[in-house]
């Protein structure tokens, strides 16, 4: 009999399920979309039941359309969109739509947390309270929907709700728990001090489990609903960033991930919690038991390039546009771009900063602008990598994923700007691969995730820094690094003018 694991990647707009064999080969994939509700400006919500139905339909299609026999599915695990608040009553029924990671209604609650707890909050959680995190959402419901709050007995995150529906067992893994900012990262427990300071009952926090822990078998009820069998084991899984890091092989202290998607993520494996980035970076438990990762986010990485193309070059093929940009000289004929087109998060927590082109010259053409945008995005990643160097966190390898890993030109640019070896993946599958790896380790196919990665994760070509380019980019980065301080007051003033007029 064939044996498979299923990785469930529960995203913001769709779920993708992947069946993988012991050799780390994807044998079948299915996905299913679900809607996003934005009832007011800044609000972002989803119905948790939609995640369950979509996941079930996708798994059912693996069985019916792709011919994966239900008896062959040995284990299931999850990667989930992080931070989303699911509130359950005493009967574990959903009380309200889930408030998602990209919901920004909680600015007031974030300030209340700092007013009540202050810097001790960062010491306990490793993070500053940001609107995206779960704790401010809990406080928002408490203050604005007291009738809901009075009925709330447990909170979960998105993937944990789907897993509960599969198994009937409540729980949350450590990687997602740190993203709630209610976990004491040093003690590995829910923070009684924070719950008391903020008047949140400790009993609302679910049991904690490790990502590779068995959380139960598929229940009889869910087996009937989905077509699965009750012999299938269900493992805890992790938040999407932790699972993305597992799927990218970020399992050693010398490795950093560079992900250029709509936003940009720089993520580093951390062996212990004995480092304080003072809230400049997020600090989270990894899906690897008893280890951690830190992460910096730039808000508009690939979005900056997509914005530029859509605004000024919409008809041209994307690959052709990048190819022509590669023919322009390093430094784009004296043009610099800062990618703050929707504000910035790291290293500048500034929602009101805006992007700039500096050094516009009539001799430049549009491909100089494209190259400047690509260089500016990559410089913004170097801003985050600098934080590691300033804190003595050494690394020698950058694993590039996302849009920045689909171009030899951009991969070499990253190597030259970072002055580090850059590698891409030959089988990039994102967080869903990490989820499947967690199930494989949970089943005992491998001793640990590092051993699993040797079979499941495949690195491709290496890009070594070119010393001549490194020197030129160092000089250019020195100028780039000055732009934020010298434009922030102008940006804030222009945004104020725009809002008032």
Protein backbone atom coordinates (compact mmCIF):
# COMPACT_ATOMS: atom_id res chain seq x y z
CA UNK A 1 0.00 0.00 0.00
CA UNK A 2 1.19 3.53 -0.76
CA UNK A 3 1.52 5.89 2.19
CA UNK A 4 0.94 9.63 2.05
CA UNK A 5 0.86 12.66 4.28
CA UNK A 6 -1.32 15.68 3.59
CA UNK A 7 -0.15 19.24 4.19
CA UNK A 8 -3.04 21.69 4.57
CA UNK A 9 -2.03 25.29 3.75
CA UNK A 10 -4.86 27.46 5.10
CA UNK A 11 -4.30 30.88 3.55
CA UNK A 12 -6.21 34.16 3.57
CA UNK A 13 -8.00 33.63 0.27
CA UNK A 14 -7.85 29.86 -0.28
CA UNK A 15 -6.79 26.53 1.13
CA UNK A 16 -4.33 24.29 -0.72
CA UNK A 17 -3.89 20.64 0.23
CA UNK A 18 -0.90 18.60 -0.95
CA UNK A 19 -0.46 14.82 -0.76
CA UNK A 20 3.19 13.77 -0.50
CA UNK A 21 4.90 10.39 -0.41
CA UNK A 22 7.89 9.28 1.67
CA UNK A 23 10.30 10.49 -1.02
CA UNK A 24 9.01 14.04 -0.62
CA UNK A 25 7.23 14.02 -3.98
CA UNK A 26 3.90 15.77 -4.43
CA UNK A 27 1.52 13.21 -5.88
CA UNK A 28 -1.62 15.37 -5.89
CA UNK A 29 -2.80 18.89 -5.02
CA UNK A 30 -6.18 20.55 -4.71
CA UNK A 31 -7.28 24.02 -3.64
CA UNK A 32 -10.51 25.80 -2.86
CA UNK A 33 -11.27 29.51 -2.42
CA UNK A 34 -13.33 31.26 0.25
CA UNK A 35 -14.52 34.86 0.61
CA UNK A 36 -13.11 37.71 2.65
CA UNK A 37 -15.45 40.18 4.33
CA UNK A 38 -14.51 43.84 4.88
CA UNK A 39 -17.65 45.30 6.50
CA UNK A 40 -15.96 48.59 7.43
CA UNK A 41 -12.68 50.34 6.49
CA UNK A 42 -9.80 48.56 8.21
CA UNK A 43 -11.92 45.49 9.04
CA UNK A 44 -11.04 42.05 7.66
CA UNK A 45 -13.09 39.01 8.65
CA UNK A 46 -13.91 35.47 7.57
CA UNK A 47 -16.39 32.82 8.60
CA UNK A 48 -14.46 29.94 10.23
CA UNK A 49 -16.96 27.46 8.80
CA UNK A 50 -15.80 28.48 5.32
CA UNK A 51 -12.28 27.25 6.13
CA UNK A 52 -13.69 23.91 7.26
CA UNK A 53 -15.87 23.44 4.18
CA UNK A 54 -13.09 24.47 1.79
CA UNK A 55 -10.54 22.16 3.44
CA UNK A 56 -12.98 19.27 3.40
CA UNK A 57 -13.88 19.79 -0.26
CA UNK A 58 -10.18 19.96 -1.23
CA UNK A 59 -9.37 16.74 0.67
CA UNK A 60 -12.45 15.04 -0.79
CA UNK A 61 -11.21 15.94 -4.29
CA UNK A 62 -7.81 14.36 -3.53
CA UNK A 63 -9.68 11.14 -2.81
CA UNK A 64 -12.29 11.26 -5.57
CA UNK A 65 -10.49 13.07 -8.41
CA UNK A 66 -6.84 12.18 -7.81
CA UNK A 67 -7.39 8.62 -6.67
CA UNK A 68 -5.67 8.86 -3.28
CA UNK A 69 -7.25 6.02 -1.29
CA UNK A 70 -8.41 7.19 2.14
CA UNK A 71 -6.55 4.28 3.78
CA UNK A 72 -3.30 5.55 2.23
CA UNK A 73 -3.54 8.93 4.03
CA UNK A 74 -1.49 8.25 7.14
CA UNK A 75 -1.25 11.75 8.59
CA UNK A 76 -2.43 15.33 8.19
CA UNK A 77 -0.92 18.56 9.46
CA UNK A 78 -1.45 22.25 8.94
CA UNK A 79 0.04 25.57 8.04
CA UNK A 80 -2.29 28.41 8.92
CA UNK A 81 -2.70 32.11 8.38
CA UNK A 82 -1.52 33.56 11.68
CA UNK A 83 -3.06 35.80 14.35
CA UNK A 84 -6.73 35.47 13.32
CA UNK A 85 -9.12 35.41 16.30
CA UNK A 86 -11.74 32.63 16.50
CA UNK A 87 -13.95 32.85 19.60
CA UNK A 88 -15.85 29.80 20.86
CA UNK A 89 -18.60 29.51 23.49
CA UNK A 90 -18.96 26.86 26.20
CA UNK A 91 -20.15 24.36 23.57
CA UNK A 92 -17.22 25.22 21.27
CA UNK A 93 -19.52 26.95 18.82
CA UNK A 94 -18.25 29.98 16.88
CA UNK A 95 -19.48 33.27 18.39
CA UNK A 96 -18.60 35.76 15.65
CA UNK A 97 -16.68 36.00 12.36
CA UNK A 98 -12.94 35.58 12.76
CA UNK A 99 -10.93 38.83 12.90
CA UNK A 100 -7.94 38.31 10.58
CA UNK A 101 -4.24 39.18 10.67
CA UNK A 102 -4.69 42.09 8.22
CA UNK A 103 -7.45 43.75 10.26
CA UNK A 104 -6.29 47.14 11.58
CA UNK A 105 -9.10 48.18 13.93
CA UNK A 106 -7.06 47.67 17.12
CA UNK A 107 -4.71 50.68 17.23
CA UNK A 108 -6.37 51.88 20.47
CA UNK A 109 -5.95 48.48 22.12
CA UNK A 110 -2.26 48.30 21.13
CA UNK A 111 -1.67 51.62 22.88
CA UNK A 112 -3.60 50.43 25.94
CA UNK A 113 -1.33 47.38 26.18
CA UNK A 114 1.80 49.55 26.17
CA UNK A 115 0.25 52.01 28.64
CA UNK A 116 -0.57 49.20 31.09
CA UNK A 117 2.42 46.89 30.62
CA UNK A 118 5.11 48.96 28.86
CA UNK A 119 8.50 47.50 28.01
CA UNK A 120 7.79 44.45 30.17
CA UNK A 121 5.46 43.33 27.37
CA UNK A 122 8.41 43.03 24.98
CA UNK A 123 10.43 41.17 27.63
CA UNK A 124 7.63 38.62 28.11
CA UNK A 125 6.53 38.11 24.50
CA UNK A 126 9.56 39.14 22.40
CA UNK A 127 7.30 41.48 20.42
CA UNK A 128 5.61 44.84 20.42
CA UNK A 129 1.81 44.81 20.30
CA UNK A 130 0.83 45.35 16.68
CA UNK A 131 -2.66 45.57 15.19
CA UNK A 132 -2.21 42.25 13.42
CA UNK A 133 -1.63 40.21 16.58
CA UNK A 134 -4.38 38.32 18.40
CA UNK A 135 -4.28 39.84 21.88
CA UNK A 136 -5.36 43.33 20.72
CA UNK A 137 -8.29 41.66 18.92
CA UNK A 138 -9.35 39.96 22.16
CA UNK A 139 -9.30 43.33 23.91
CA UNK A 140 -11.28 44.92 21.05
CA UNK A 141 -14.07 42.34 21.42
CA UNK A 142 -14.00 42.76 25.20
CA UNK A 143 -14.45 46.54 24.86
CA UNK A 144 -16.78 46.70 21.87
CA UNK A 145 -18.84 43.49 21.97
CA UNK A 146 -19.39 42.77 25.69
CA UNK A 147 -22.29 40.42 24.98
CA UNK A 148 -19.98 38.25 22.82
CA UNK A 149 -17.14 38.50 25.33
CA UNK A 150 -19.42 37.29 28.13
CA UNK A 151 -20.04 34.05 26.21
CA UNK A 152 -16.42 33.47 25.10
CA UNK A 153 -14.80 30.45 26.74
CA UNK A 154 -11.91 29.62 24.34
CA UNK A 155 -10.04 31.31 21.54
CA UNK A 156 -8.28 29.58 18.67
CA UNK A 157 -6.40 30.56 15.53
CA UNK A 158 -7.65 29.58 12.05
CA UNK A 159 -5.89 26.26 11.50
CA UNK A 160 -6.60 25.24 15.11
CA UNK A 161 -10.33 25.61 14.50
CA UNK A 162 -10.18 23.36 11.43
CA UNK A 163 -8.09 20.82 13.34
CA UNK A 164 -10.58 20.91 16.24
CA UNK A 165 -13.39 20.15 13.79
CA UNK A 166 -11.40 17.17 12.47
CA UNK A 167 -10.50 15.70 15.86
CA UNK A 168 -12.75 17.19 18.53
CA UNK A 169 -9.59 18.22 20.47
CA UNK A 170 -8.75 21.84 21.32
CA UNK A 171 -5.14 23.06 21.18
CA UNK A 172 -2.66 25.54 19.76
CA UNK A 173 0.96 24.96 18.81
CA UNK A 174 3.76 27.16 20.12
CA UNK A 175 4.57 28.82 16.80
CA UNK A 176 1.04 30.19 16.51
CA UNK A 177 0.81 30.86 20.25
CA UNK A 178 3.73 33.29 20.14
CA UNK A 179 1.88 35.17 17.39
CA UNK A 180 -0.98 35.85 19.79
CA UNK A 181 1.46 37.85 22.00
CA UNK A 182 -0.04 36.20 25.09
CA UNK A 183 2.74 33.60 25.41
CA UNK A 184 5.69 33.98 27.77
CA UNK A 185 8.45 32.93 25.37
CA UNK A 186 10.92 32.30 28.21
CA UNK A 187 8.59 30.05 30.24
CA UNK A 188 6.78 28.44 27.31
CA UNK A 189 3.42 29.05 28.99
CA UNK A 190 0.53 31.43 28.63
CA UNK A 191 1.44 34.61 30.50
CA UNK A 192 -0.53 34.87 33.73
CA UNK A 193 0.99 38.32 34.28
CA UNK A 194 -0.34 39.67 30.97
CA UNK A 195 -3.76 38.08 31.46
CA UNK A 196 -4.06 39.68 34.91
CA UNK A 197 -2.78 43.08 33.77
CA UNK A 198 -5.20 43.20 30.84
CA UNK A 199 -8.16 41.46 32.52
CA UNK A 200 -8.21 38.49 30.16
CA UNK A 201 -9.15 35.17 31.80
CA UNK A 202 -6.28 32.69 31.60
CA UNK A 203 -8.90 29.96 31.04
CA UNK A 204 -9.69 31.36 27.57
CA UNK A 205 -6.26 30.19 26.34
CA UNK A 206 -6.28 26.69 24.77
CA UNK A 207 -3.90 23.84 25.68
CA UNK A 208 -0.39 24.24 24.22
CA UNK A 209 1.15 21.56 21.98
CA UNK A 210 4.29 21.19 19.87
CA UNK A 211 3.95 21.38 16.10
CA UNK A 212 4.86 17.71 15.60
CA UNK A 213 2.59 16.47 18.42
CA UNK A 214 -0.25 14.10 17.68
CA UNK A 215 -3.47 15.93 18.53
CA UNK A 216 -5.82 13.05 17.78
CA UNK A 217 -7.15 10.90 14.98
CA UNK A 218 -9.82 11.95 12.51
CA UNK A 219 -13.10 11.67 14.44
CA UNK A 220 -15.90 9.39 13.31
CA UNK A 221 -18.08 12.40 12.57
CA UNK A 222 -15.48 14.10 10.44
CA UNK A 223 -14.60 10.83 8.68
CA UNK A 224 -18.23 10.56 7.57
CA UNK A 225 -18.23 14.22 6.51
CA UNK A 226 -14.94 14.14 4.58
CA UNK A 227 -14.42 10.62 3.28
CA UNK A 228 -11.31 10.14 5.44
CA UNK A 229 -10.78 7.22 7.79
CA UNK A 230 -10.47 7.33 11.60
CA UNK A 231 -7.03 5.72 11.35
CA UNK A 232 -5.59 8.98 9.91
CA UNK A 233 -3.50 10.80 12.52
CA UNK A 234 -3.72 14.59 12.86
CA UNK A 235 -0.71 16.64 13.98
CA UNK A 236 -0.70 20.16 15.38
CA UNK A 237 1.12 22.03 12.59
CA UNK A 238 2.27 25.64 12.73
CA UNK A 239 1.80 29.22 11.68
CA UNK A 240 2.40 29.94 8.01
CA UNK A 241 5.74 31.68 8.57
CA UNK A 242 7.09 28.82 10.68
CA UNK A 243 5.88 26.25 8.14
CA UNK A 244 7.24 28.34 5.27
CA UNK A 245 10.63 28.32 6.99
CA UNK A 246 10.46 24.54 7.43
CA UNK A 247 9.53 24.10 3.76
CA UNK A 248 12.44 26.35 2.76
CA UNK A 249 14.89 24.38 4.88
CA UNK A 250 15.52 27.19 7.41
CA UNK A 251 16.45 24.68 10.10
CA UNK A 252 19.98 25.74 11.06
CA UNK A 253 21.34 28.89 12.79
CA UNK A 254 23.47 29.86 9.76
CA UNK A 255 20.41 30.27 7.50
CA UNK A 256 18.14 33.20 6.69
CA UNK A 257 15.10 33.23 4.40
CA UNK A 258 14.45 36.07 1.97
CA UNK A 259 10.87 35.98 0.70
CA UNK A 260 9.76 38.51 -1.89
CA UNK A 261 6.00 38.27 -2.14
CA UNK A 262 3.48 41.10 -2.02
CA UNK A 263 5.18 41.99 1.23
CA UNK A 264 8.73 40.97 2.03
CA UNK A 265 9.88 38.68 4.84
CA UNK A 266 13.34 38.13 6.23
CA UNK A 267 13.32 35.21 8.66
CA UNK A 268 16.15 33.70 10.70
CA UNK A 269 16.39 30.46 12.66
CA UNK A 270 17.15 31.11 16.34
CA UNK A 271 18.43 28.45 18.74
CA UNK A 272 17.16 30.12 21.92
CA UNK A 273 15.18 33.08 23.24
CA UNK A 274 18.21 34.82 24.74
CA UNK A 275 18.18 37.73 22.32
CA UNK A 276 16.22 40.96 22.47
CA UNK A 277 15.57 42.79 19.22
CA UNK A 278 13.65 45.45 21.20
CA UNK A 279 10.54 44.90 19.15
CA UNK A 280 12.20 45.80 15.82
CA UNK A 281 11.71 42.21 14.70
CA UNK A 282 9.00 39.72 15.52
CA UNK A 283 10.21 36.81 17.65
CA UNK A 284 8.32 33.53 17.48
CA UNK A 285 8.56 29.88 18.46
CA UNK A 286 9.55 27.74 15.48
CA UNK A 287 7.72 24.62 14.32
CA UNK A 288 10.93 22.81 15.32
CA UNK A 289 10.42 21.90 18.99
CA UNK A 290 12.27 24.12 21.48
CA UNK A 291 13.65 26.50 18.87
CA UNK A 292 12.67 29.91 17.54
CA UNK A 293 12.73 32.24 14.58
CA UNK A 294 12.88 35.98 14.24
CA UNK A 295 11.31 37.88 11.39
CA UNK A 296 11.26 41.33 9.85
CA UNK A 297 8.57 42.41 7.39
CA UNK A 298 8.72 45.05 4.67
CA UNK A 299 5.20 46.00 3.67
CA UNK A 300 5.64 46.55 -0.08
CA UNK A 301 8.29 44.32 -1.62
CA UNK A 302 6.81 42.67 -4.71
CA UNK A 303 3.91 45.09 -4.37
CA UNK A 304 6.26 47.97 -5.22
CA UNK A 305 7.29 46.32 -8.48
CA UNK A 306 3.72 45.34 -9.31
CA UNK A 307 2.58 48.90 -8.58
CA UNK A 308 5.26 50.33 -10.85
CA UNK A 309 4.50 47.91 -13.67
CA UNK A 310 0.74 48.40 -13.42
CA UNK A 311 1.07 52.18 -13.37
CA UNK A 312 3.78 52.79 -15.95
CA UNK A 313 4.39 49.58 -17.92
CA UNK A 314 1.21 47.51 -17.76
CA UNK A 315 1.36 46.00 -21.26
CA UNK A 316 4.90 44.62 -21.14
CA UNK A 317 5.63 41.02 -20.22
CA UNK A 318 6.97 40.89 -16.67
CA UNK A 319 9.98 38.72 -17.49
CA UNK A 320 10.89 40.90 -20.45
CA UNK A 321 10.68 44.00 -18.25
CA UNK A 322 13.06 42.47 -15.69
CA UNK A 323 15.42 41.28 -18.45
CA UNK A 324 15.68 44.80 -19.87
CA UNK A 325 16.24 46.22 -16.38
CA UNK A 326 19.17 43.83 -15.98
CA UNK A 327 20.86 45.53 -18.94
CA UNK A 328 20.88 48.91 -17.18
CA UNK A 329 23.97 49.77 -15.11
CA UNK A 330 24.26 48.91 -11.42
CA UNK A 331 22.76 51.83 -9.53
CA UNK A 332 20.26 52.58 -12.32
CA UNK A 333 22.21 55.58 -13.62
CA UNK A 334 22.11 57.34 -10.27
CA UNK A 335 18.49 56.58 -9.34
CA UNK A 336 17.40 55.39 -5.88
CA UNK A 337 13.98 54.09 -4.85
CA UNK A 338 12.62 53.53 -1.34
CA UNK A 339 9.75 51.00 -1.33
CA UNK A 340 7.57 52.65 1.30
CA UNK A 341 4.54 52.99 -0.98
CA UNK A 342 2.11 51.74 1.70
CA UNK A 343 4.16 52.70 4.77
CA UNK A 344 6.78 50.50 6.41
CA UNK A 345 7.05 48.02 9.28
CA UNK A 346 10.71 47.00 9.69
CA UNK A 347 13.05 48.52 10.56
CA UNK A 348 10.86 51.64 10.57
CA UNK A 349 7.46 51.16 12.21
CA UNK A 350 6.00 54.10 10.32
CA UNK A 351 2.57 53.81 8.70
CA UNK A 352 2.83 57.34 7.25
CA UNK A 353 6.19 57.16 5.45
CA UNK A 354 5.89 57.02 1.66
CA UNK A 355 8.19 55.93 -1.15
CA UNK A 356 10.65 58.11 -3.04
CA UNK A 357 12.60 58.21 -6.28
CA UNK A 358 15.80 60.14 -5.58
CA UNK A 359 18.12 61.28 -8.37
CA UNK A 360 15.65 61.45 -11.27
CA UNK A 361 17.57 62.52 -14.39
CA UNK A 362 16.40 63.12 -17.95
CA UNK A 363 18.98 60.63 -19.30
CA UNK A 364 17.31 57.71 -17.47
CA UNK A 365 14.73 55.46 -19.14
CA UNK A 366 11.95 53.39 -17.67
CA UNK A 367 14.19 50.34 -17.22
CA UNK A 368 16.44 52.39 -14.96
CA UNK A 369 13.32 52.94 -12.88
CA UNK A 370 12.54 49.21 -12.87
CA UNK A 371 16.09 48.40 -11.79
CA UNK A 372 15.94 51.09 -9.09
CA UNK A 373 12.72 49.58 -7.74
CA UNK A 374 14.30 46.11 -7.58
CA UNK A 375 17.45 47.47 -5.93
CA UNK A 376 15.36 49.49 -3.45
CA UNK A 377 13.34 46.43 -2.44
CA UNK A 378 16.56 44.48 -1.89
CA UNK A 379 18.10 47.35 0.11
CA UNK A 380 15.02 47.27 2.36
CA UNK A 381 15.83 43.62 3.10
CA UNK A 382 19.39 44.60 3.92
CA UNK A 383 18.00 47.07 6.46
CA UNK A 384 16.55 44.04 8.29
CA UNK A 385 19.70 41.93 7.89
CA UNK A 386 21.63 44.80 9.50
CA UNK A 387 19.64 44.27 12.70
CA UNK A 388 21.01 40.72 12.89
CA UNK A 389 24.56 41.90 12.36
CA UNK A 390 24.14 44.63 15.00
CA UNK A 391 23.02 41.95 17.47
CA UNK A 392 25.87 39.55 16.64
CA UNK A 393 23.62 36.99 14.93
CA UNK A 394 25.83 35.50 12.26
CA UNK A 395 24.62 33.72 9.14
CA UNK A 396 26.25 32.77 5.83
CA UNK A 397 23.40 31.50 3.63
CA UNK A 398 20.25 33.23 2.36
CA UNK A 399 17.50 31.01 0.95
CA UNK A 400 15.50 33.07 -1.53
CA UNK A 401 11.87 32.24 -2.22
CA UNK A 402 8.95 34.01 -3.86
CA UNK A 403 9.19 36.41 -6.78
CA UNK A 404 12.81 37.31 -6.05
CA UNK A 405 13.81 33.68 -6.59
CA UNK A 406 12.37 33.44 -10.12
CA UNK A 407 15.05 35.59 -11.76
CA UNK A 408 18.78 34.85 -12.01
CA UNK A 409 19.34 38.60 -12.17
CA UNK A 410 17.49 39.27 -8.91
CA UNK A 411 19.11 36.32 -7.14
CA UNK A 412 22.57 37.63 -8.05
CA UNK A 413 21.52 41.13 -6.98
CA UNK A 414 20.56 39.75 -3.56
CA UNK A 415 23.92 38.00 -3.22
CA UNK A 416 25.74 41.24 -4.11
CA UNK A 417 23.68 43.54 -1.87
CA UNK A 418 23.66 41.14 1.09
CA UNK A 419 27.28 40.02 0.50
CA UNK A 420 26.14 36.48 1.30
CA UNK A 421 25.68 33.23 -0.58
CA UNK A 422 22.13 33.03 -1.94
CA UNK A 423 20.41 29.78 -2.93
CA UNK A 424 17.00 29.06 -4.43
CA UNK A 425 14.81 25.97 -4.12
CA UNK A 426 14.08 23.58 -6.98
CA UNK A 427 10.74 22.50 -5.47
CA UNK A 428 9.40 25.61 -3.81
CA UNK A 429 6.02 24.74 -2.30
CA UNK A 430 5.84 27.18 0.59
CA UNK A 431 4.10 26.53 3.90
CA UNK A 432 2.15 23.52 2.62
CA UNK A 433 5.41 21.59 2.23
CA UNK A 434 6.34 22.48 5.80
CA UNK A 435 2.97 21.20 7.00
CA UNK A 436 3.48 17.90 5.16
CA UNK A 437 6.97 17.59 6.67
CA UNK A 438 5.52 18.07 10.17
CA UNK A 439 3.10 15.20 9.54
CA UNK A 440 5.93 13.02 8.19
CA UNK A 441 8.02 13.61 11.33
CA UNK A 442 4.98 13.15 13.59
CA UNK A 443 4.37 9.74 12.00
CA UNK A 444 7.97 8.71 12.64
CA UNK A 445 9.00 8.63 8.97
CA UNK A 446 11.96 10.79 10.06
CA UNK A 447 13.55 11.47 13.45
CA UNK A 448 13.26 15.24 13.14
CA UNK A 449 12.56 18.02 10.67
CA UNK A 450 16.23 18.42 9.79
CA UNK A 451 16.36 14.79 8.64
CA UNK A 452 13.09 15.19 6.78
CA UNK A 453 14.45 18.26 4.97
CA UNK A 454 17.26 16.18 3.46
CA UNK A 455 14.60 14.20 1.60
CA UNK A 456 11.89 16.82 1.05
CA UNK A 457 13.77 20.12 0.49
CA UNK A 458 15.98 20.52 -2.58
CA UNK A 459 18.33 23.46 -3.07
CA UNK A 460 19.27 24.61 -6.54
CA UNK A 461 21.94 26.91 -7.92
CA UNK A 462 24.13 28.94 -5.58
CA UNK A 463 24.80 32.62 -6.22
CA UNK A 464 28.06 33.93 -4.76
CA UNK A 465 28.61 37.68 -4.20
CA UNK A 466 30.67 39.47 -6.84
CA UNK A 467 33.27 41.50 -4.93
CA UNK A 468 33.27 44.41 -7.38
CA UNK A 469 29.48 44.68 -7.22
CA UNK A 470 29.53 44.32 -3.44
CA UNK A 471 31.74 47.39 -3.13
CA UNK A 472 29.50 49.45 -5.43
CA UNK A 473 26.32 48.38 -3.66
CA UNK A 474 27.86 49.16 -0.26
CA UNK A 475 28.44 52.72 -1.46
CA UNK A 476 24.91 52.99 -2.89
CA UNK A 477 23.34 51.47 0.22
CA UNK A 478 25.03 54.11 2.35
CA UNK A 479 23.03 56.71 0.41
CA UNK A 480 19.81 54.65 0.46
CA UNK A 481 20.04 54.29 4.23
CA UNK A 482 19.91 58.09 4.62
CA UNK A 483 16.69 58.55 2.66
CA UNK A 484 14.21 57.56 5.38
CA UNK A 485 15.42 60.11 7.93
CA UNK A 486 15.67 62.83 5.32
CA UNK A 487 12.21 62.30 3.79
CA UNK A 488 9.99 61.22 6.69
CA UNK A 489 8.88 64.75 7.64
CA UNK A 490 8.13 65.54 4.00
CA UNK A 491 6.16 62.29 3.65
CA UNK A 492 4.20 62.93 6.82
CA UNK A 493 3.42 66.48 5.72
CA UNK A 494 2.26 65.39 2.28
CA UNK A 495 0.04 62.69 3.74
CA UNK A 496 -1.44 65.19 6.18
CA UNK A 497 -2.15 67.59 3.32
CA UNK A 498 -3.79 64.81 1.31
CA UNK A 499 -6.03 63.79 4.20
CA UNK A 500 -7.09 67.35 4.87
CA UNK A 501 -7.75 68.20 1.23
